[in-house]
PDB file of N, CA and C in Angstrom:
ATOM      1  N   UNK A   1     -15.362 -21.204   1.202  1.00  0.00           N
ATOM      2  CA  UNK A   1     -16.443 -21.433   2.137  1.00  0.00           C
ATOM      3  C   UNK A   1     -16.825 -20.110   2.801  1.00  0.00           C
ATOM      4  N   UNK A   2     -18.080 -19.829   2.956  1.00  0.00           N
ATOM      5  CA  UNK A   2     -18.511 -18.576   3.588  1.00  0.00           C
ATOM      6  C   UNK A   2     -18.506 -18.679   5.114  1.00  0.00           C
ATOM      7  N   UNK A   3     -17.350 -18.414   5.720  1.00  0.00           N
ATOM      8  CA  UNK A   3     -17.229 -18.437   7.173  1.00  0.00           C
ATOM      9  C   UNK A   3     -17.305 -16.994   7.660  1.00  0.00           C
ATOM     10  N   UNK A   4     -18.186 -16.746   8.617  1.00  0.00           N
ATOM     11  CA  UNK A   4     -18.372 -15.413   9.163  1.00  0.00           C
ATOM     12  C   UNK A   4     -18.112 -15.432  10.659  1.00  0.00           C
ATOM     13  N   UNK A   5     -17.718 -14.281  11.202  1.00  0.00           N
ATOM     14  CA  UNK A   5     -17.540 -14.131  12.632  1.00  0.00           C
ATOM     15  C   UNK A   5     -18.762 -13.432  13.204  1.00  0.00           C
ATOM     16  N   UNK A   6     -19.173 -13.875  14.390  1.00  0.00           N
ATOM     17  CA  UNK A   6     -20.329 -13.310  15.070  1.00  0.00           C
ATOM     18  C   UNK A   6     -19.964 -13.001  16.507  1.00  0.00           C
ATOM     19  N   UNK A   7     -20.669 -12.022  17.094  1.00  0.00           N
ATOM     20  CA  UNK A   7     -20.517 -11.697  18.510  1.00  0.00           C
ATOM     21  C   UNK A   7     -21.880 -11.853  19.158  1.00  0.00           C
ATOM     22  N   UNK A   8     -21.899 -12.580  20.267  1.00  0.00           N
ATOM     23  CA  UNK A   8     -23.130 -12.765  21.027  1.00  0.00           C
ATOM     24  C   UNK A   8     -23.435 -11.470  21.765  1.00  0.00           C
ATOM     25  N   UNK A   9     -24.635 -10.942  21.605  1.00  0.00           N
ATOM     26  CA  UNK A   9     -25.018  -9.704  22.287  1.00  0.00           C
ATOM     27  C   UNK A   9     -25.185  -9.918  23.785  1.00  0.00           C
ATOM     28  N   UNK A  10     -25.406 -11.147  24.203  1.00  0.00           N
ATOM     29  CA  UNK A  10     -25.627 -11.437  25.622  1.00  0.00           C
ATOM     30  C   UNK A  10     -24.310 -11.610  26.385  1.00  0.00           C
ATOM     31  N   UNK A  11     -23.439 -12.519  25.925  1.00  0.00           N
ATOM     32  CA  UNK A  11     -22.199 -12.808  26.670  1.00  0.00           C
ATOM     33  C   UNK A  11     -20.936 -12.247  26.008  1.00  0.00           C
ATOM     34  N   UNK A  12     -21.074 -11.612  24.830  1.00  0.00           N
ATOM     35  CA  UNK A  12     -19.957 -10.991  24.088  1.00  0.00           C
ATOM     36  C   UNK A  12     -18.955 -11.992  23.511  1.00  0.00           C
ATOM     37  N   UNK A  13     -19.292 -13.267  23.515  1.00  0.00           N
ATOM     38  CA  UNK A  13     -18.437 -14.296  22.926  1.00  0.00           C
ATOM     39  C   UNK A  13     -18.350 -14.084  21.416  1.00  0.00           C
ATOM     40  N   UNK A  14     -17.156 -14.210  20.862  1.00  0.00           N
ATOM     41  CA  UNK A  14     -16.970 -14.122  19.409  1.00  0.00           C
ATOM     42  C   UNK A  14     -16.716 -15.526  18.896  1.00  0.00           C
ATOM     43  N   UNK A  15     -17.463 -15.911  17.853  1.00  0.00           N
ATOM     44  CA  UNK A  15     -17.354 -17.252  17.294  1.00  0.00           C
ATOM     45  C   UNK A  15     -17.543 -17.204  15.796  1.00  0.00           C
ATOM     46  N   UNK A  16     -17.141 -18.273  15.119  1.00  0.00           N
ATOM     47  CA  UNK A  16     -17.262 -18.384  13.667  1.00  0.00           C
ATOM     48  C   UNK A  16     -18.354 -19.379  13.313  1.00  0.00           C
ATOM     49  N   UNK A  17     -18.966 -19.176  12.151  1.00  0.00           N
ATOM     50  CA  UNK A  17     -19.982 -20.107  11.682  1.00  0.00           C
ATOM     51  C   UNK A  17     -20.045 -20.073  10.156  1.00  0.00           C
ATOM     52  N   UNK A  18     -20.316 -21.229   9.572  1.00  0.00           N
ATOM     53  CA  UNK A  18     -20.558 -21.329   8.129  1.00  0.00           C
ATOM     54  C   UNK A  18     -21.997 -20.908   7.872  1.00  0.00           C
ATOM     55  N   UNK A  19     -22.195 -19.927   7.025  1.00  0.00           N
ATOM     56  CA  UNK A  19     -23.534 -19.433   6.727  1.00  0.00           C
ATOM     57  C   UNK A  19     -23.718 -19.437   5.211  1.00  0.00           C
ATOM     58  N   UNK A  20     -24.731 -20.157   4.758  1.00  0.00           N
ATOM     59  CA  UNK A  20     -25.008 -20.227   3.330  1.00  0.00           C
ATOM     60  C   UNK A  20     -26.197 -19.372   2.917  1.00  0.00           C
ATOM     61  N   UNK A  21     -27.064 -18.991   3.887  1.00  0.00           N
ATOM     62  CA  UNK A  21     -28.218 -18.147   3.564  1.00  0.00           C
ATOM     63  C   UNK A  21     -28.538 -17.248   4.752  1.00  0.00           C
ATOM     64  N   UNK A  22     -29.281 -16.170   4.483  1.00  0.00           N
ATOM     65  CA  UNK A  22     -29.651 -15.227   5.538  1.00  0.00           C
ATOM     66  C   UNK A  22     -30.534 -15.875   6.594  1.00  0.00           C
ATOM     67  N   UNK A  23     -31.322 -16.859   6.213  1.00  0.00           N
ATOM     68  CA  UNK A  23     -32.192 -17.522   7.184  1.00  0.00           C
ATOM     69  C   UNK A  23     -31.384 -18.316   8.212  1.00  0.00           C
ATOM     70  N   UNK A  24     -30.251 -18.854   7.821  1.00  0.00           N
ATOM     71  CA  UNK A  24     -29.383 -19.570   8.766  1.00  0.00           C
ATOM     72  C   UNK A  24     -28.816 -18.607   9.811  1.00  0.00           C
ATOM     73  N   UNK A  25     -28.523 -17.391   9.387  1.00  0.00           N
ATOM     74  CA  UNK A  25     -27.944 -16.394  10.276  1.00  0.00           C
ATOM     75  C   UNK A  25     -28.940 -15.963  11.357  1.00  0.00           C
ATOM     76  N   UNK A  26     -30.208 -15.881  11.030  1.00  0.00           N
ATOM     77  CA  UNK A  26     -31.226 -15.424  11.974  1.00  0.00           C
ATOM     78  C   UNK A  26     -31.386 -16.358  13.168  1.00  0.00           C
ATOM     79  N   UNK A  27     -31.261 -17.652  12.972  1.00  0.00           N
ATOM     80  CA  UNK A  27     -31.447 -18.612  14.053  1.00  0.00           C
ATOM     81  C   UNK A  27     -30.162 -19.051  14.713  1.00  0.00           C
ATOM     82  N   UNK A  28     -29.073 -18.359  14.467  1.00  0.00           N
ATOM     83  CA  UNK A  28     -27.759 -18.748  14.971  1.00  0.00           C
ATOM     84  C   UNK A  28     -27.672 -18.573  16.489  1.00  0.00           C
ATOM     85  N   UNK A  29     -27.273 -19.625  17.186  1.00  0.00           N
ATOM     86  CA  UNK A  29     -27.138 -19.596  18.645  1.00  0.00           C
ATOM     87  C   UNK A  29     -25.667 -19.552  19.039  1.00  0.00           C
ATOM     88  N   UNK A  30     -25.379 -18.819  20.087  1.00  0.00           N
ATOM     89  CA  UNK A  30     -24.020 -18.729  20.630  1.00  0.00           C
ATOM     90  C   UNK A  30     -23.614 -20.086  21.188  1.00  0.00           C
ATOM     91  N   UNK A  31     -22.440 -20.603  20.816  1.00  0.00           N
ATOM     92  CA  UNK A  31     -22.011 -21.899  21.328  1.00  0.00           C
ATOM     93  C   UNK A  31     -21.648 -21.867  22.817  1.00  0.00           C
ATOM     94  N   UNK A  32     -21.416 -20.678  23.364  1.00  0.00           N
ATOM     95  CA  UNK A  32     -21.032 -20.558  24.775  1.00  0.00           C
ATOM     96  C   UNK A  32     -22.252 -20.487  25.703  1.00  0.00           C
ATOM     97  N   UNK A  33     -23.222 -19.608  25.378  1.00  0.00           N
ATOM     98  CA  UNK A  33     -24.362 -19.423  26.282  1.00  0.00           C
ATOM     99  C   UNK A  33     -25.692 -19.871  25.684  1.00  0.00           C
ATOM    100  N   UNK A  34     -25.735 -20.145  24.378  1.00  0.00           N
ATOM    101  CA  UNK A  34     -26.946 -20.620  23.727  1.00  0.00           C
ATOM    102  C   UNK A  34     -27.930 -19.544  23.308  1.00  0.00           C
ATOM    103  N   UNK A  35     -27.633 -18.276  23.603  1.00  0.00           N
ATOM    104  CA  UNK A  35     -28.526 -17.183  23.233  1.00  0.00           C
ATOM    105  C   UNK A  35     -28.577 -17.027  21.719  1.00  0.00           C
ATOM    106  N   UNK A  36     -29.740 -16.685  21.214  1.00  0.00           N
ATOM    107  CA  UNK A  36     -29.898 -16.455  19.777  1.00  0.00           C
ATOM    108  C   UNK A  36     -29.897 -14.957  19.498  1.00  0.00           C
ATOM    109  N   UNK A  37     -28.836 -14.308  19.956  1.00  0.00           N
ATOM    110  CA  UNK A  37     -28.693 -12.858  19.819  1.00  0.00           C
ATOM    111  C   UNK A  37     -27.337 -12.512  19.212  1.00  0.00           C
ATOM    112  N   UNK A  38     -26.967 -13.180  18.143  1.00  0.00           N
ATOM    113  CA  UNK A  38     -25.661 -12.962  17.526  1.00  0.00           C
ATOM    114  C   UNK A  38     -25.732 -11.869  16.467  1.00  0.00           C
ATOM    115  N   UNK A  39     -24.655 -11.094  16.387  1.00  0.00           N
ATOM    116  CA  UNK A  39     -24.535 -10.079  15.345  1.00  0.00           C
ATOM    117  C   UNK A  39     -23.248 -10.330  14.575  1.00  0.00           C
ATOM    118  N   UNK A  40     -23.292 -10.132  13.278  1.00  0.00           N
ATOM    119  CA  UNK A  40     -22.120 -10.347  12.429  1.00  0.00           C
ATOM    120  C   UNK A  40     -21.110  -9.242  12.699  1.00  0.00           C
ATOM    121  N   UNK A  41     -19.842  -9.624  12.814  1.00  0.00           N
ATOM    122  CA  UNK A  41     -18.765  -8.657  13.003  1.00  0.00           C
ATOM    123  C   UNK A  41     -17.780  -8.791  11.848  1.00  0.00           C
ATOM    124  N   UNK A  42     -17.067  -7.716  11.581  1.00  0.00           N
ATOM    125  CA  UNK A  42     -16.077  -7.756  10.515  1.00  0.00           C
ATOM    126  C   UNK A  42     -14.844  -8.478  11.027  1.00  0.00           C
ATOM    127  N   UNK A  43     -14.437  -9.500  10.327  1.00  0.00           N
ATOM    128  CA  UNK A  43     -13.258 -10.265  10.759  1.00  0.00           C
ATOM    129  C   UNK A  43     -11.987  -9.494  10.451  1.00  0.00           C
ATOM    130  N   UNK A  44     -10.918  -9.847  11.128  1.00  0.00           N
ATOM    131  CA  UNK A  44      -9.628  -9.183  10.944  1.00  0.00           C
ATOM    132  C   UNK A  44      -9.167  -9.313   9.504  1.00  0.00           C
ATOM    133  N   UNK A  45      -9.366 -10.466   8.887  1.00  0.00           N
ATOM    134  CA  UNK A  45      -8.899 -10.675   7.515  1.00  0.00           C
ATOM    135  C   UNK A  45      -9.690  -9.850   6.512  1.00  0.00           C
ATOM    136  N   UNK A  46     -10.879  -9.381   6.870  1.00  0.00           N
ATOM    137  CA  UNK A  46     -11.693  -8.604   5.950  1.00  0.00           C
ATOM    138  C   UNK A  46     -11.385  -7.114   6.025  1.00  0.00           C
ATOM    139  N   UNK A  47     -10.710  -6.683   7.072  1.00  0.00           N
ATOM    140  CA  UNK A  47     -10.391  -5.262   7.219  1.00  0.00           C
ATOM    141  C   UNK A  47      -9.224  -4.896   6.327  1.00  0.00           C
ATOM    142  N   UNK A  48      -9.275  -3.707   5.750  1.00  0.00           N
ATOM    143  CA  UNK A  48      -8.179  -3.237   4.903  1.00  0.00           C
ATOM    144  C   UNK A  48      -7.501  -2.076   5.585  1.00  0.00           C
ATOM    145  N   UNK A  49      -6.203  -2.077   5.572  1.00  0.00           N
ATOM    146  CA  UNK A  49      -5.429  -1.012   6.177  1.00  0.00           C
ATOM    147  C   UNK A  49      -5.327   0.136   5.174  1.00  0.00           C
ATOM    148  N   UNK A  50      -5.538   1.366   5.644  1.00  0.00           N
ATOM    149  CA  UNK A  50      -5.399   2.509   4.751  1.00  0.00           C
ATOM    150  C   UNK A  50      -3.925   2.753   4.478  1.00  0.00           C
ATOM    151  N   UNK A  51      -3.615   3.422   3.379  1.00  0.00           N
ATOM    152  CA  UNK A  51      -2.227   3.621   2.975  1.00  0.00           C
ATOM    153  C   UNK A  51      -1.436   4.441   3.974  1.00  0.00           C
ATOM    154  N   UNK A  52      -2.086   5.351   4.694  1.00  0.00           N
ATOM    155  CA  UNK A  52      -1.385   6.219   5.619  1.00  0.00           C
ATOM    156  C   UNK A  52      -1.211   5.636   7.007  1.00  0.00           C
ATOM    157  N   UNK A  53      -1.807   4.515   7.313  1.00  0.00           N
ATOM    158  CA  UNK A  53      -1.724   3.972   8.669  1.00  0.00           C
ATOM    159  C   UNK A  53      -0.548   3.027   8.801  1.00  0.00           C
ATOM    160  N   UNK A  54      -0.172   2.785  10.057  1.00  0.00           N
ATOM    161  CA  UNK A  54       0.904   1.837  10.311  1.00  0.00           C
ATOM    162  C   UNK A  54       0.380   0.745  11.214  1.00  0.00           C
ATOM    163  N   UNK A  55       1.018  -0.400  11.168  1.00  0.00           N
ATOM    164  CA  UNK A  55       0.579  -1.540  11.955  1.00  0.00           C
ATOM    165  C   UNK A  55       1.770  -2.385  12.352  1.00  0.00           C
ATOM    166  N   UNK A  56       1.751  -2.918  13.572  1.00  0.00           N
ATOM    167  CA  UNK A  56       2.832  -3.790  13.995  1.00  0.00           C
ATOM    168  C   UNK A  56       2.780  -5.125  13.271  1.00  0.00           C
ATOM    169  N   UNK A  57       1.587  -5.490  12.752  1.00  0.00           N
ATOM    170  CA  UNK A  57       1.453  -6.749  12.032  1.00  0.00           C
ATOM    171  C   UNK A  57       2.266  -6.736  10.747  1.00  0.00           C
ATOM    172  N   UNK A  58       2.492  -5.567  10.167  1.00  0.00           N
ATOM    173  CA  UNK A  58       3.235  -5.464   8.922  1.00  0.00           C
ATOM    174  C   UNK A  58       4.691  -5.828   9.070  1.00  0.00           C
ATOM    175  N   UNK A  59       5.226  -5.761  10.290  1.00  0.00           N
ATOM    176  CA  UNK A  59       6.632  -6.042  10.486  1.00  0.00           C
ATOM    177  C   UNK A  59       6.974  -7.516  10.257  1.00  0.00           C
ATOM    178  N   UNK A  60       5.995  -8.402  10.406  1.00  0.00           N
ATOM    179  CA  UNK A  60       6.261  -9.820  10.189  1.00  0.00           C
ATOM    180  C   UNK A  60       5.881 -10.263   8.783  1.00  0.00           C
ATOM    181  N   UNK A  61       5.483  -9.343   7.974  1.00  0.00           N
ATOM    182  CA  UNK A  61       5.010  -9.631   6.624  1.00  0.00           C
ATOM    183  C   UNK A  61       6.186  -9.580   5.648  1.00  0.00           C
ATOM    184  N   UNK A  62       6.173 -10.462   4.682  1.00  0.00           N
ATOM    185  CA  UNK A  62       7.174 -10.403   3.629  1.00  0.00           C
ATOM    186  C   UNK A  62       6.464 -10.264   2.292  1.00  0.00           C
ATOM    187  N   UNK A  63       7.140  -9.734   1.311  1.00  0.00           N
ATOM    188  CA  UNK A  63       6.522  -9.478   0.012  1.00  0.00           C
ATOM    189  C   UNK A  63       5.900 -10.726  -0.592  1.00  0.00           C
ATOM    190  N   UNK A  64       6.493 -11.888  -0.350  1.00  0.00           N
ATOM    191  CA  UNK A  64       5.957 -13.113  -0.941  1.00  0.00           C
ATOM    192  C   UNK A  64       4.702 -13.614  -0.231  1.00  0.00           C
ATOM    193  N   UNK A  65       4.474 -13.181   1.035  1.00  0.00           N
ATOM    194  CA  UNK A  65       3.300 -13.655   1.767  1.00  0.00           C
ATOM    195  C   UNK A  65       2.202 -12.614   1.877  1.00  0.00           C
ATOM    196  N   UNK A  66       2.399 -11.433   1.322  1.00  0.00           N
ATOM    197  CA  UNK A  66       1.404 -10.364   1.417  1.00  0.00           C
ATOM    198  C   UNK A  66       0.219 -10.638   0.506  1.00  0.00           C
ATOM    199  N   UNK A  67      -0.980 -10.330   0.976  1.00  0.00           N
ATOM    200  CA  UNK A  67      -2.138 -10.437   0.107  1.00  0.00           C
ATOM    201  C   UNK A  67      -2.163  -9.304  -0.895  1.00  0.00           C
ATOM    202  N   UNK A  68      -2.904  -9.410  -1.985  1.00  0.00           N
ATOM    203  CA  UNK A  68      -3.003  -8.312  -2.943  1.00  0.00           C
ATOM    204  C   UNK A  68      -3.507  -7.055  -2.250  1.00  0.00           C
ATOM    205  N   UNK A  69      -2.898  -5.922  -2.545  1.00  0.00           N
ATOM    206  CA  UNK A  69      -3.309  -4.654  -1.967  1.00  0.00           C
ATOM    207  C   UNK A  69      -2.633  -4.333  -0.642  1.00  0.00           C
ATOM    208  N   UNK A  70      -1.736  -5.172  -0.183  1.00  0.00           N
ATOM    209  CA  UNK A  70      -1.051  -4.947   1.078  1.00  0.00           C
ATOM    210  C   UNK A  70      -0.182  -3.687   0.948  1.00  0.00           C
ATOM    211  N   UNK A  71      -0.215  -2.850   1.972  1.00  0.00           N
ATOM    212  CA  UNK A  71       0.564  -1.605   1.915  1.00  0.00           C
ATOM    213  C   UNK A  71       1.636  -1.572   2.997  1.00  0.00           C
ATOM    214  N   UNK A  72       2.110  -2.730   3.440  1.00  0.00           N
ATOM    215  CA  UNK A  72       3.099  -2.745   4.519  1.00  0.00           C
ATOM    216  C   UNK A  72       4.515  -2.477   4.027  1.00  0.00           C
ATOM    217  N   UNK A  73       4.738  -2.467   2.738  1.00  0.00           N
ATOM    218  CA  UNK A  73       6.106  -2.271   2.214  1.00  0.00           C
ATOM    219  C   UNK A  73       6.274  -0.897   1.627  1.00  0.00           C
TER     220      UNK A  73
END
Protein backbone atom coordinates (compact mmCIF):
# COMPACT_ATOMS: atom_id res chain seq x y z
CA UNK A 1 0.00 0.00 0.00
CA UNK A 2 1.37 3.46 -0.81
CA UNK A 3 1.39 5.11 2.62
CA UNK A 4 3.21 8.44 2.78
CA UNK A 5 4.07 10.79 5.64
CA UNK A 6 3.15 14.46 5.41
CA UNK A 7 3.86 17.55 7.51
CA UNK A 8 1.34 20.35 7.79
CA UNK A 9 3.00 23.67 6.92
CA UNK A 10 0.60 25.50 9.23
CA UNK A 11 0.66 23.50 12.51
CA UNK A 12 3.71 21.21 11.81
CA UNK A 13 1.65 18.08 12.55
CA UNK A 14 3.08 14.93 10.94
CA UNK A 15 0.53 12.41 9.69
CA UNK A 16 0.23 9.46 7.31
CA UNK A 17 -2.09 9.06 4.35
CA UNK A 18 -2.77 6.53 1.60
CA UNK A 19 -2.12 8.24 -1.73
CA UNK A 20 -2.83 6.55 -5.04
CA UNK A 21 -2.41 9.57 -7.36
CA UNK A 22 -0.80 13.01 -7.38
CA UNK A 23 -4.23 14.66 -7.48
CA UNK A 24 -5.12 13.11 -4.11
CA UNK A 25 -1.97 14.60 -2.60
CA UNK A 26 -2.83 18.15 -3.72
CA UNK A 27 -6.13 18.28 -1.81
CA UNK A 28 -4.83 16.58 1.34
CA UNK A 29 -5.99 18.26 4.57
CA UNK A 30 -4.25 18.05 7.93
CA UNK A 31 -6.32 15.91 10.32
CA UNK A 32 -5.34 18.17 13.25
CA UNK A 33 -6.04 21.70 11.93
CA UNK A 34 -7.74 21.07 8.56
CA UNK A 35 -5.29 23.20 6.56
CA UNK A 36 -4.60 22.06 3.01
CA UNK A 37 -0.91 22.91 3.22
CA UNK A 38 0.72 19.50 3.59
CA UNK A 39 4.15 18.62 2.26
CA UNK A 40 5.48 15.09 1.79
CA UNK A 41 8.31 14.16 4.15
CA UNK A 42 10.72 11.26 3.97
CA UNK A 43 9.67 8.61 6.46
CA UNK A 44 12.15 6.98 8.82
CA UNK A 45 11.77 3.62 7.07
CA UNK A 46 12.69 5.19 3.72
CA UNK A 47 15.97 6.68 4.93
CA UNK A 48 19.13 4.67 4.37
CA UNK A 49 22.05 4.80 6.74
CA UNK A 50 25.44 5.37 5.12
CA UNK A 51 28.11 2.73 5.75
CA UNK A 52 30.28 5.10 7.78
CA UNK A 53 27.59 6.35 10.16
CA UNK A 54 26.53 4.90 13.47
CA UNK A 55 23.10 4.73 15.03
CA UNK A 56 21.71 3.72 18.39
CA UNK A 57 18.86 1.98 16.56
CA UNK A 58 21.33 -0.61 15.26
CA UNK A 59 21.99 -1.90 18.76
CA UNK A 60 18.54 -3.51 18.95
CA UNK A 61 18.83 -5.02 15.49
CA UNK A 62 19.62 -8.66 14.89
CA UNK A 63 20.82 -10.26 11.67
CA UNK A 64 17.54 -12.12 11.23
CA UNK A 65 15.42 -8.94 11.52
CA UNK A 66 17.58 -6.58 9.44
CA UNK A 67 16.24 -5.32 6.14
CA UNK A 68 18.30 -5.89 2.99
CA UNK A 69 21.23 -3.47 2.86
CA UNK A 70 21.38 -2.96 6.63
CA UNK A 71 24.88 -1.94 7.73
CA UNK A 72 24.48 -2.26 11.51
CA UNK A 73 26.61 -5.42 11.75
